[in-house]
Protein backbone atom coordinates (compact mmCIF):
# COMPACT_ATOMS: atom_id res chain seq x y z
CA MET A 1 78.63 70.12 36.79
CA ILE A 2 78.38 70.01 40.78
CA ALA A 3 78.04 73.67 41.06
CA PHE A 4 74.70 73.66 38.94
CA ALA A 5 73.37 70.40 39.43
CA LEU A 6 74.02 69.89 42.99
CA VAL A 7 74.14 73.54 43.85
CA VAL A 8 72.01 72.73 47.04
CA VAL A 9 75.11 70.33 47.95
CA LEU A 10 77.86 72.93 47.46
CA LEU A 11 76.07 75.81 48.89
CA VAL A 12 74.89 74.28 51.86
CA GLY A 13 78.05 72.52 52.49
CA ALA A 14 80.44 75.61 51.88
CA VAL A 15 78.83 77.20 55.17
CA VAL A 16 78.48 74.09 57.28
CA GLY A 17 78.09 76.10 60.72
CA ASP A 18 75.30 77.54 59.13
CA TYR A 19 73.27 74.49 57.21
CA TYR A 20 70.45 74.50 59.63
CA TYR A 21 69.49 77.77 58.53
CA LEU A 22 70.30 77.40 55.05
CA GLY A 23 68.49 74.17 54.97
CA SER A 24 65.28 75.77 56.30
CA LEU A 25 65.16 77.76 52.98
CA ILE A 26 64.75 74.72 50.70
CA HIS A 27 61.41 73.75 49.97
CA HIS A 28 61.22 69.98 50.86
CA GLN A 29 58.72 67.78 49.07
CA LYS A 30 57.39 64.22 49.94
CA VAL A 31 58.50 61.89 47.08
CA ASN A 32 57.76 58.35 47.19
CA SER A 33 59.54 55.27 45.69
CA LEU A 34 62.75 56.66 46.64
CA GLN A 35 65.53 54.14 47.60
CA THR A 36 68.01 54.02 50.40
CA ALA A 37 71.33 54.65 49.11
CA GLY A 38 73.90 52.29 48.81
CA ALA A 39 78.02 52.36 48.32
CA SER A 40 76.84 54.98 45.37
CA GLU A 41 73.92 56.93 45.11
CA ASN A 42 71.68 58.76 41.86
CA ILE A 43 70.06 61.90 42.26
CA LEU A 44 67.38 62.83 39.82
CA LEU A 45 67.66 66.29 38.30
CA ILE A 46 64.65 67.88 37.12
CA GLY A 47 64.09 71.19 35.00
CA SER A 48 60.42 71.74 35.50
CA THR A 49 58.19 74.04 33.33
CA THR A 50 55.83 75.18 35.57
CA ARG A 51 54.42 78.83 34.98
CA CYS A 52 52.03 78.63 37.61
CA GLY A 53 54.63 78.06 40.33
CA LEU A 54 56.56 80.99 39.41
CA LYS A 55 56.83 83.67 41.88
CA VAL A 56 56.89 86.30 39.16
CA GLN A 57 54.87 85.78 35.79
CA ASN A 58 57.06 86.29 32.53
CA ILE A 59 55.57 86.55 29.34
CA ALA A 60 58.36 85.14 27.76
CA TYR A 61 57.87 82.13 29.42
CA GLY A 62 54.08 82.01 28.92
CA LEU A 63 51.71 83.26 31.36
CA CYS A 64 49.72 80.98 33.69
CA SER A 65 46.75 83.34 33.49
CA GLN A 66 46.68 82.64 29.69
CA GLY A 67 46.37 79.01 29.94
CA VAL A 68 49.90 77.88 30.16
CA THR A 69 49.45 75.48 32.94
CA GLY A 70 51.32 72.66 32.00
CA VAL A 71 54.05 70.89 33.88
CA ASN A 72 56.62 68.88 32.28
CA SER A 73 60.17 68.23 32.99
CA ASP A 74 62.18 69.63 30.14
CA ILE A 75 65.35 68.43 31.66
CA ASP A 76 65.82 64.95 33.30
CA MET A 77 69.06 63.92 34.54
CA ILE A 78 70.64 61.34 36.59
CA LEU A 79 73.66 62.21 38.62
CA HIS A 80 75.39 59.24 39.84
CA LEU A 81 77.92 59.75 42.75
CA ASP A 82 80.23 57.16 43.95
CA PRO A 83 81.96 58.29 47.25
CA SER A 84 84.52 55.34 47.25
CA THR A 85 86.21 56.81 44.27
CA GLY A 86 85.17 60.30 44.13
CA SER A 87 83.53 59.99 40.71
CA VAL A 88 80.77 61.76 39.13
CA SER A 89 78.90 60.81 35.99
CA LEU A 90 75.66 62.39 34.67
CA MET A 91 73.10 60.78 31.98
CA SER A 92 70.44 63.16 30.32
CA ILE A 93 67.07 61.48 29.09
CA PRO A 94 65.63 63.07 26.28
CA ARG A 95 62.32 64.89 26.97
CA ASP A 96 60.35 63.27 23.99
CA LEU A 97 61.29 59.69 25.04
CA PHE A 98 58.25 57.27 24.80
CA ILE A 99 57.93 54.92 27.66
CA PRO A 100 55.43 52.19 28.99
CA ASN A 101 55.32 53.86 32.48
CA ALA A 102 55.43 57.46 31.98
CA ARG A 103 51.95 58.06 33.29
CA ILE A 104 49.81 56.01 36.16
CA GLU A 105 47.47 55.13 33.19
CA GLY A 106 50.22 53.96 30.84
CA ALA A 107 52.56 55.14 28.14
CA ASN A 108 53.69 58.91 27.33
CA LYS A 109 56.57 60.87 26.76
CA ILE A 110 58.82 60.90 29.72
CA ASP A 111 58.67 64.65 30.21
CA ALA A 112 54.76 64.24 30.76
CA ALA A 113 55.34 62.19 34.04
CA LEU A 114 55.92 65.20 36.03
CA TYR A 115 52.29 66.46 35.67
CA GLN A 116 51.18 63.74 38.00
CA GLY A 117 53.89 64.69 40.46
CA PRO A 118 57.63 63.59 41.37
CA SER A 119 56.70 60.40 42.80
CA GLN A 120 55.29 59.40 39.32
CA LEU A 121 58.57 60.51 37.63
CA VAL A 122 60.65 58.49 40.01
CA ALA A 123 58.64 55.48 39.78
CA ALA A 124 58.71 55.46 35.84
CA ILE A 125 62.57 55.75 35.57
CA GLU A 126 62.96 53.02 38.20
CA GLU A 127 60.51 50.70 36.44
CA ASP A 128 61.38 51.23 32.79
CA PHE A 129 65.14 51.94 33.08
CA ALA A 130 66.15 49.97 36.26
CA ILE A 131 67.70 53.00 37.75
CA PRO A 132 67.16 53.04 41.61
CA ILE A 133 66.90 56.72 42.65
CA ASN A 134 67.84 57.77 46.00
CA HIS A 135 67.26 61.89 45.82
CA TYR A 136 65.34 64.24 43.95
CA VAL A 137 66.19 67.67 42.87
CA GLU A 138 63.78 70.25 40.86
CA LEU A 139 64.48 73.42 39.59
CA ASN A 140 62.33 75.79 37.93
CA PHE A 141 62.99 79.07 35.44
CA ASP A 142 63.20 81.27 38.28
CA THR A 143 65.73 78.83 40.19
CA PHE A 144 67.99 78.50 37.07
CA ALA A 145 67.97 82.21 36.49
CA SER A 146 68.64 82.96 40.11
CA VAL A 147 71.78 80.49 40.10
CA VAL A 148 73.23 82.25 37.14
CA ASN A 149 72.69 85.67 38.64
CA ALA A 150 74.03 85.06 42.02
CA LEU A 151 77.20 83.97 40.25
CA GLY A 152 77.30 87.34 38.45
CA GLY A 153 76.39 86.04 35.11
CA VAL A 154 78.36 83.50 33.05
CA TYR A 155 80.46 84.13 29.66
CA MET A 156 79.61 82.29 26.92
CA ASP A 157 81.63 82.64 23.31
CA PHE A 158 79.13 82.60 20.04
CA PRO A 159 80.76 81.62 16.95
CA VAL A 160 78.05 82.57 14.52
CA PRO A 161 74.73 84.68 14.87
CA ILE A 162 71.86 82.03 16.02
CA PHE A 163 67.96 82.87 16.74
CA ASP A 164 65.51 80.86 18.43
CA GLN A 165 61.79 82.52 18.34
CA GLU A 166 60.47 80.02 20.92
CA SER A 167 63.06 80.66 23.81
CA GLY A 168 63.88 84.37 22.74
CA LEU A 169 67.48 83.75 22.19
CA ASN A 170 68.70 86.29 19.69
CA ILE A 171 72.73 86.51 19.12
CA GLU A 172 72.97 88.92 16.04
CA ARG A 173 76.87 88.90 15.70
CA PRO A 174 79.61 86.52 16.88
CA GLY A 175 81.22 87.25 19.91
CA CYS A 176 81.85 86.68 23.85
CA TYR A 177 78.50 87.42 25.69
CA LEU A 178 78.10 87.81 29.50
CA LEU A 179 74.88 86.02 29.98
CA ASP A 180 72.40 86.79 32.89
CA GLY A 181 69.86 84.62 34.26
CA VAL A 182 67.31 85.31 31.78
CA LYS A 183 69.67 85.16 28.63
CA ALA A 184 71.24 81.87 30.03
CA LEU A 185 67.79 80.42 30.19
CA GLU A 186 66.96 81.42 26.63
CA LEU A 187 70.24 79.28 25.61
CA VAL A 188 69.48 76.34 27.55
CA ARG A 189 65.90 76.15 26.28
CA ALA A 190 66.75 76.85 22.64
CA ARG A 191 65.43 73.85 20.92
CA HIS A 192 64.21 75.54 17.42
CA LEU A 193 67.50 77.02 16.84
CA GLN A 194 68.14 78.95 13.61
CA ILE A 195 71.76 79.62 12.47
CA GLN A 196 72.99 82.28 10.25
CA ASN A 197 73.91 80.45 6.67
CA THR A 198 75.75 83.53 5.14
CA PRO A 199 77.24 86.99 6.83
CA SER A 200 75.16 89.15 4.58
CA ASN A 201 71.68 87.49 5.67
CA HIS A 202 70.48 89.38 8.58
CA ASN A 203 66.79 87.97 8.67
CA PRO A 204 67.01 85.31 11.16
CA ARG A 205 63.60 83.99 10.43
CA SER A 206 64.99 83.05 7.08
CA TRP A 207 68.13 81.23 8.52
CA PRO A 208 68.12 77.24 8.05
CA GLN A 209 66.91 75.55 11.35
CA GLU A 210 69.21 72.98 13.40
CA ALA A 211 68.23 69.34 13.18
CA LEU A 212 67.81 66.93 16.52
CA SER A 213 65.82 69.63 18.33
CA ASP A 214 65.78 68.24 22.27
CA LEU A 215 69.38 66.23 21.48
CA ALA A 216 71.00 69.31 20.29
CA ARG A 217 69.77 71.41 23.17
CA ILE A 218 70.95 68.76 25.85
CA ARG A 219 74.58 69.10 23.99
CA ARG A 220 74.53 72.90 24.66
CA THR A 221 73.14 72.40 28.18
CA HIS A 222 75.96 70.11 28.92
CA GLU A 223 78.46 72.68 27.63
CA PHE A 224 76.68 75.41 29.59
CA LEU A 225 77.00 73.57 32.67
CA ARG A 226 80.62 72.86 32.25
CA VAL A 227 81.36 76.62 31.90
CA LEU A 228 79.22 77.62 34.76
CA ALA A 229 80.93 74.91 37.08
CA ALA A 230 84.43 76.01 35.89
CA LYS A 231 83.62 79.46 37.17
CA VAL A 232 82.70 78.46 40.65
CA ALA A 233 85.59 76.29 40.57
CA ALA A 234 87.84 79.24 39.83
CA ARG A 235 86.36 81.44 42.28
CA GLY A 236 86.18 78.60 44.87
CA LEU A 237 83.44 78.62 47.77
CA SER A 238 85.41 79.48 50.90
CA ASN A 239 84.21 82.84 51.66
CA PRO A 240 81.58 82.54 54.11
CA ILE A 241 79.90 86.18 53.44
CA THR A 242 79.95 85.28 49.56
CA ASP A 243 78.72 81.74 50.10
CA GLN A 244 75.85 82.81 52.39
CA SER A 245 74.54 85.42 49.61
CA ILE A 246 74.55 83.06 46.74
CA ALA A 247 72.84 80.60 49.00
CA THR A 248 70.22 82.59 50.29
CA ALA A 249 69.45 83.81 46.80
CA VAL A 250 69.07 80.36 45.17
CA LEU A 251 67.87 77.79 47.98
CA PRO A 252 64.60 79.41 48.54
CA SER A 253 63.15 78.33 44.94
CA LEU A 254 64.73 75.01 45.01
CA THR A 255 62.83 71.88 45.58
CA VAL A 256 64.15 68.58 47.00
CA ASP A 257 62.74 65.17 48.66
CA ASN A 258 62.09 65.36 52.15
CA ARG A 259 64.65 62.34 52.89
CA PHE A 260 67.39 65.09 51.56
CA SER A 261 68.67 66.11 54.84
CA GLU A 262 71.11 69.08 55.49
CA SER A 263 73.49 66.56 57.01
CA SER A 264 73.57 64.46 53.94
CA MET A 265 74.07 67.71 51.57
CA VAL A 266 77.05 68.64 53.71
CA GLY A 267 78.61 64.72 53.71
CA LEU A 268 78.23 64.95 49.92
CA ALA A 269 79.81 68.36 49.76
CA ARG A 270 82.70 67.27 51.57
CA THR A 271 83.62 64.16 49.42
CA PHE A 272 82.71 65.73 45.98
CA ALA A 273 83.78 69.54 46.56
CA HIS A 274 87.02 69.05 44.51
CA THR A 275 85.66 66.91 41.58
CA ASN A 276 87.63 67.60 38.69
CA ILE A 277 85.00 68.95 36.17
CA ALA A 278 86.57 67.88 33.05
CA LYS A 279 86.51 64.30 34.23
CA VAL A 280 82.58 64.29 34.85
CA LEU A 281 81.36 61.60 32.30
CA GLN A 282 78.20 63.02 30.47
CA TYR A 283 76.07 61.09 28.17
CA THR A 284 72.52 61.09 26.77
CA PHE A 285 70.70 58.16 26.56
CA PRO A 286 70.61 57.21 22.97
CA VAL A 287 67.38 57.12 21.07
CA ILE A 288 66.14 56.83 17.39
CA GLN A 289 63.55 59.75 16.23
CA VAL A 290 60.40 58.16 14.74
CA GLU A 291 60.31 59.77 11.34
CA THR A 292 56.35 59.31 10.74
CA GLY A 293 55.17 62.58 12.19
CA SER A 294 53.02 62.32 15.30
CA LEU A 295 53.06 58.88 16.95
CA LEU A 296 49.72 57.04 16.75
CA TYR A 297 49.48 54.82 19.76
CA GLN A 298 46.47 52.86 20.97
CA GLY A 299 44.31 55.28 18.85
CA TYR A 300 45.85 58.52 20.07
CA TYR A 301 48.37 60.97 18.71
CA TYR A 302 51.35 61.90 20.83
CA GLY A 303 53.52 64.33 18.53
CA ASP A 304 57.23 63.99 17.88
CA VAL A 305 58.52 61.12 19.73
CA VAL A 306 61.69 59.38 20.09
CA PHE A 307 62.38 55.45 21.08
CA PRO A 308 65.03 53.92 23.18
CA VAL A 309 67.49 52.09 21.14
CA GLN A 310 69.37 48.82 22.34
CA PRO A 311 71.95 47.41 23.02
CA THR A 312 73.45 51.09 23.58
CA GLY A 313 70.90 52.18 25.83
CA VAL A 314 71.46 49.22 28.36
CA ASN A 315 75.42 49.73 27.93
CA SER A 316 75.07 53.49 28.68
CA ILE A 317 73.23 52.88 31.65
CA ASN A 318 75.58 50.45 32.88
CA GLN A 319 78.60 52.52 32.04
CA ILE A 320 77.08 55.66 34.07
CA LEU A 321 76.20 53.57 37.13
CA GLY A 322 79.68 51.77 36.88
CA VAL A 323 77.83 48.41 36.50
CA ALA A 324 79.43 45.59 34.47
CA ALA A 325 77.67 43.79 31.84
CA GLY A 326 75.58 40.69 33.14
CA MET A 327 74.76 42.61 36.09
CA ASN A 328 71.48 44.18 37.52
CA SER A 329 71.58 47.76 37.29
CA PHE A 330 69.24 48.24 40.10
CA THR A 331 70.99 45.85 42.94
CA ASP A 332 74.22 45.66 41.33
CA GLN A 333 73.99 41.84 41.36
CA PRO A 334 74.20 39.09 38.66
CA LEU A 335 71.30 38.97 36.49
CA PRO A 336 69.44 35.65 36.55
CA ALA A 337 70.15 32.59 34.20
CA PRO A 338 68.27 32.63 31.13
CA SER A 339 66.83 29.15 32.14
CA SER A 340 65.59 30.06 35.39
CA PHE A 341 62.52 31.75 34.66
CA PRO A 342 59.47 31.18 32.19
CA LEU A 343 59.34 33.87 29.14
CA SER A 344 56.50 34.28 26.62
CA ILE A 345 56.63 36.15 23.42
CA GLU A 346 53.84 38.25 21.86
CA ASN A 347 53.74 39.52 18.18
CA GLY A 348 52.75 43.34 18.47
CA THR A 349 53.55 44.30 15.03
CA GLY A 350 51.51 41.85 12.70
CA VAL A 351 54.52 40.93 10.85
CA ALA A 352 54.21 37.21 10.15
CA SER A 353 55.84 34.64 12.44
CA GLN A 354 58.00 37.67 14.38
CA ALA A 355 57.14 36.13 17.60
CA ALA A 356 58.27 32.20 16.33
CA VAL A 357 61.42 33.84 15.09
CA VAL A 358 62.30 35.74 18.32
CA ALA A 359 61.33 32.79 20.47
CA SER A 360 63.52 30.55 18.44
CA GLU A 361 66.48 33.06 18.87
CA LEU A 362 66.04 33.51 22.48
CA THR A 363 65.81 29.69 22.81
CA ALA A 364 69.17 29.17 21.04
CA LYS A 365 70.49 31.71 24.10
CA GLY A 366 69.19 29.33 26.77
CA PHE A 367 65.84 30.96 27.46
CA LYS A 368 62.94 28.74 28.52
CA ILE A 369 60.05 30.03 26.06
CA LYS A 370 56.53 29.11 27.41
CA SER A 371 54.42 30.36 24.73
CA THR A 372 54.04 32.45 21.68
CA SER A 373 51.07 34.40 20.64
CA ASP A 374 49.76 37.50 18.47
CA VAL A 375 47.99 40.71 20.18
CA THR A 376 46.86 43.57 18.23
CA PRO A 377 49.41 46.11 17.47
CA VAL A 378 49.52 49.57 19.24
CA GLY A 379 50.08 51.32 16.05
CA PRO A 380 51.79 51.34 12.50
CA VAL A 381 55.30 51.71 14.44
CA SER A 382 56.06 50.52 18.05
CA GLU A 383 58.94 50.04 20.35
CA THR A 384 59.50 46.32 21.99
CA VAL A 385 58.35 46.40 25.63
CA VAL A 386 59.70 43.82 27.92
CA TRP A 387 57.05 43.62 30.28
CA TYR A 388 57.23 42.13 33.94
CA GLY A 389 54.93 42.06 37.15
CA GLY A 390 55.43 41.76 40.74
CA PRO A 391 54.82 44.41 43.26
CA LYS A 392 55.31 47.79 42.64
CA PRO A 393 57.85 50.23 44.09
CA PRO A 394 56.55 50.84 47.35
CA ALA A 395 55.93 54.44 48.66
CA ASN A 396 58.32 53.96 51.50
CA GLY A 397 61.18 51.43 51.75
CA ASN A 398 63.36 49.67 49.09
CA TRP A 399 62.30 47.89 46.08
CA THR A 400 63.05 44.35 45.54
CA SER A 401 61.95 43.06 42.20
CA PRO A 402 63.05 39.38 40.88
CA ALA A 403 60.72 40.20 38.14
CA GLN A 404 62.57 43.18 37.05
CA ALA A 405 65.97 41.38 37.10
CA ASP A 406 64.45 38.52 34.91
CA ALA A 407 63.32 41.47 32.52
CA GLN A 408 66.72 42.80 32.58
CA ALA A 409 68.27 39.71 31.56
CA VAL A 410 65.77 39.54 28.57
CA LEU A 411 66.26 43.19 27.37
CA ALA A 412 70.21 42.57 27.53
CA GLN A 413 69.83 40.32 24.43
CA LEU A 414 67.76 42.57 22.34
CA GLN A 415 68.49 45.07 19.49
CA GLY A 416 66.60 47.82 18.08
CA PRO A 417 63.69 50.21 20.11
CA ALA A 418 63.07 48.33 23.07
CA ILE A 419 62.77 49.06 26.80
CA LEU A 420 61.43 47.54 29.99
CA GLY A 421 57.86 48.11 31.08
CA TYR A 422 55.96 47.26 34.25
CA ASP A 423 52.59 45.89 34.02
CA PRO A 424 51.61 42.49 35.55
CA ALA A 425 48.16 42.49 33.19
CA ASN A 426 50.57 42.71 30.33
CA VAL A 427 52.48 39.52 31.44
CA THR A 428 51.04 36.42 29.69
CA ALA A 429 49.68 33.97 32.32
CA GLY A 430 52.05 31.27 33.40
CA SER A 431 55.07 33.40 32.57
CA LEU A 432 57.32 35.76 34.64
CA VAL A 433 58.36 38.19 31.50
CA THR A 434 56.41 38.73 28.31
CA VAL A 435 58.13 40.35 25.33
CA GLN A 436 55.68 42.21 22.90
CA THR A 437 57.72 42.76 19.96
CA GLY A 438 57.76 46.11 17.93
CA THR A 439 59.19 47.34 14.92
CA ASP A 440 62.59 46.00 13.62
CA LEU A 441 63.10 43.82 16.80
CA SER A 442 66.17 41.63 16.62
CA VAL A 443 68.23 39.13 18.96
CA LYS A 444 71.82 39.73 19.33
CA ALA A 445 73.84 37.34 17.65
CA LYS A 446 75.33 34.33 19.63
CA VAL A 447 78.61 35.38 20.73
CA SER A 448 81.69 32.84 21.10
CA THR A 449 84.24 33.61 23.34
CA THR A 450 87.80 34.89 21.64
CA LYS A 451 90.15 31.80 21.48
CA THR A 452 93.54 31.48 20.19
CA THR A 453 94.67 28.52 19.07
CA THR A 454 98.58 27.74 18.43
CA THR A 455 99.44 25.12 15.77
CA LYS A 456 102.77 24.81 13.89
CA PRO A 457 103.64 26.50 11.83
CA THR A 458 100.70 28.99 12.07
CA THR A 459 98.82 30.76 14.45
CA LYS A 460 94.82 31.36 14.16
CA THR A 461 93.00 33.66 16.18
CA THR A 462 89.14 34.36 16.04
CA LYS A 463 88.00 37.42 17.50
CA THR A 464 84.42 38.89 18.15
CA THR A 465 83.29 42.47 17.82
CA SER A 466 81.88 44.08 21.00
CA VAL A 467 79.10 47.22 20.76
CA THR A 468 80.29 50.03 23.24
CA THR A 469 78.47 53.22 24.25
CA THR A 470 81.04 55.17 21.92
CA THR A 471 79.70 53.20 18.93
CA ILE A 472 76.95 54.77 16.99
CA TYR A 473 75.22 51.17 16.52
CA ASP A 474 72.57 50.93 13.90
CA PRO A 475 70.74 47.67 14.75
CA PRO A 476 69.54 45.44 11.55
CA GLY A 477 66.28 46.52 10.52
CA VAL A 478 66.54 49.82 11.96
CA LYS A 479 69.39 50.64 9.78
CA THR A 480 67.11 50.09 6.82
CA ASN A 481 63.92 51.34 7.88
CA PRO A 482 63.24 55.17 6.87
CA GLN A 483 60.49 55.22 9.47
CA PHE A 484 63.50 55.69 11.90
CA SER A 485 66.43 58.15 12.21
CA VAL A 486 70.11 56.90 12.90
CA PRO A 487 70.70 56.27 16.31
CA SER A 488 71.82 59.12 18.51
CA ALA A 489 75.44 59.18 20.07
CA VAL A 490 75.62 58.93 23.60
CA SER A 491 78.10 61.76 23.80
CA SER A 492 78.87 64.27 20.57
CA ALA A 493 81.15 67.16 19.99
CA LEU A 494 79.99 70.71 19.92
CA GLU A 495 78.66 71.83 16.46
CA PRO A 496 80.42 74.85 14.89
CA TRP A 497 77.64 77.17 15.78
CA ASP A 498 77.47 76.12 19.35
CA PRO A 499 78.25 78.32 22.19
CA ARG A 500 81.10 77.58 24.32
CA ALA A 501 83.54 78.86 27.03
CA CYS A 502 85.25 82.25 26.17
CA ASN A 503 88.94 82.48 25.74
CA ALA A 504 90.26 84.42 29.15
CA ALA A 505 91.45 87.38 27.15
CA ASN A 506 87.77 87.85 25.83
CA THR A 507 85.79 88.05 28.96
CA GLY A 508 85.99 91.82 29.18
CA PRO A 509 83.22 94.41 29.14
CA ALA A 510 79.82 92.68 28.79
CA VAL A 511 78.27 92.27 25.47
CA VAL A 512 74.40 92.21 25.93
CA ALA A 513 72.21 89.63 23.94
CA THR A 514 68.98 91.07 22.50
CA THR A 515 65.95 89.50 23.87
CA THR A 516 63.01 88.40 21.54
CA THR A 517 59.85 88.50 23.74
CA THR A 518 57.64 85.49 22.72
CA LYS A 519 55.22 83.08 23.95
CA SER A 520 57.06 79.77 24.42
CA LYS A 521 55.91 76.37 24.45
C-alpha cells in the first residue's frame, strides 16, 4: 500500500541525499483548503481520468481529440498515517457516491468534483465527510503504468477467464500472468467485468456480468495494491542506483500539493518504510445502490448513483481515523451536547408527519428542536442531508467549524441514507443545523447502558447490541425498500474469480494477456 499510494514518499525517502533533485521532478500544484497536520495526517489519493493531460494519447483510454475531455476522479482514497503508532489505514470512497457539495453549485457524484479542480474535491470531502485533508497526491493513467513498469511488472493469478470490454481486460485462460503497466491499468479500471460461466464457452461477450460495478473494482484494486506493495517490500528500496531509476521514471508525472515538501516526504518515509502491509486496514465507505435507474434530483438525471448509509458510514470514518465514538472526526474533540444548539427538521420527502416523528425521536435524545416544516422534495428518492452553515474552509489556514461539530452530533444519531452538507442557505433561520429528511430516514433507538444486577439467588443481566463496521447493518426502512440495495460491506473477501497474488512457484516465464482495444468510458 505504501509502495504505490505513497510512492512519492518511499522513492524520495529512499535516496535522501538526492531528494532535492527528485523533488524537482514532481509537479506541485496549488491546492486550497488543506489543514495543518497534527498528531496524525490524512493524504487524499486521487486516480484522475484525464486524457488531455496525458503525454501520449492512447486510443484504449479514449482520445482527447475525439471529445473524451472529462476529468473525474475514478479513485478517491483517504490514507491515514499515525506516526505515534506507525499505523497506516486506508478508505476508498466509491466514485458514484452522491454528495451535497461535490460541485461549487451543489450536489453531484463525488468523482465529478475533480472537474472543478483538486481544491473543490478537498473541500467537498472536508465539508460532507468531516475528514480533514492535509496533503493531496494525484496519479493519472500514465503515472500508474509508469509505477508498474518501473518495478518490472506485477504477477497476478487469474483463477478463471475474465473480460471487460470497456477497460480492455481480456484473460482467455486461467493462470499466473505478468502484468505490465497497461495490463495492470486494464485490471484496476475494470468495472464491467464478465466471467466465464462454463469452460466450453469461449465467447466472452456472452459471459454473465459481475454485479456491484465500482465496489467490485475497488475490491480488486485493494488486492492489486497489496500485491504491488509486497513486491516492493520483498526487493527492498536500498540500492541508490535502482531507487534513482525507479524514482526518475515515476515522479515526473506525479502531482502533489505545493505544501508537500521534500523534507516532509523524507520524514514520512523514515517513519513508515517498514510498515507491515498485511496489517494495513483497508475499508470502502459503505453505500446503498439506488435501484431506480438514473437518479432524478431537482429536475436533472444523474445516472447510476449510490447513497451513503448510516450508522456504518460514520463508524467506518471513525475507525479509519482512530477516532472514538462521540468525538469530532475533524478535530478529535468531544462532540457538543445535544441540547447546546438549536436544531430544525424539514420534511424533504412528502411522507406525512415525517418531520414531526424525527423531531420527537431526536427530542427524546436531548436535542433542542427549534421548528419543523415541509419543503419541496428534491426527487422521488433522496438521501437525508444534515445541513450546517458558518464559514467555508479557508483557502489558506485551518478550518474551525463549530456548526459542523453540531451537525456531526446529529448525524451520529441517524440511520439510513444520510450525510453532512455545508450550505448556510439551507439552514432554517434561528437554527444552527437543519435536517432535511430523505427516504427511509430513522433515528437510532435510545440505548441504555449495560447493567448487571445481583440478587439472591439469581443474576439478571441486561445487554445491548452495538453496530460495528464489520456488521452489514440494514437500517429499518431501507431493509424493506426495493428502491435500495443491501448496504455494502466496508471490507469484503475476494470472489472466486478475482485475481490475486501468484504462488511463488508460479512466477516463472511471463504469460502475456491479450489486449482488446476499445474506447473506454
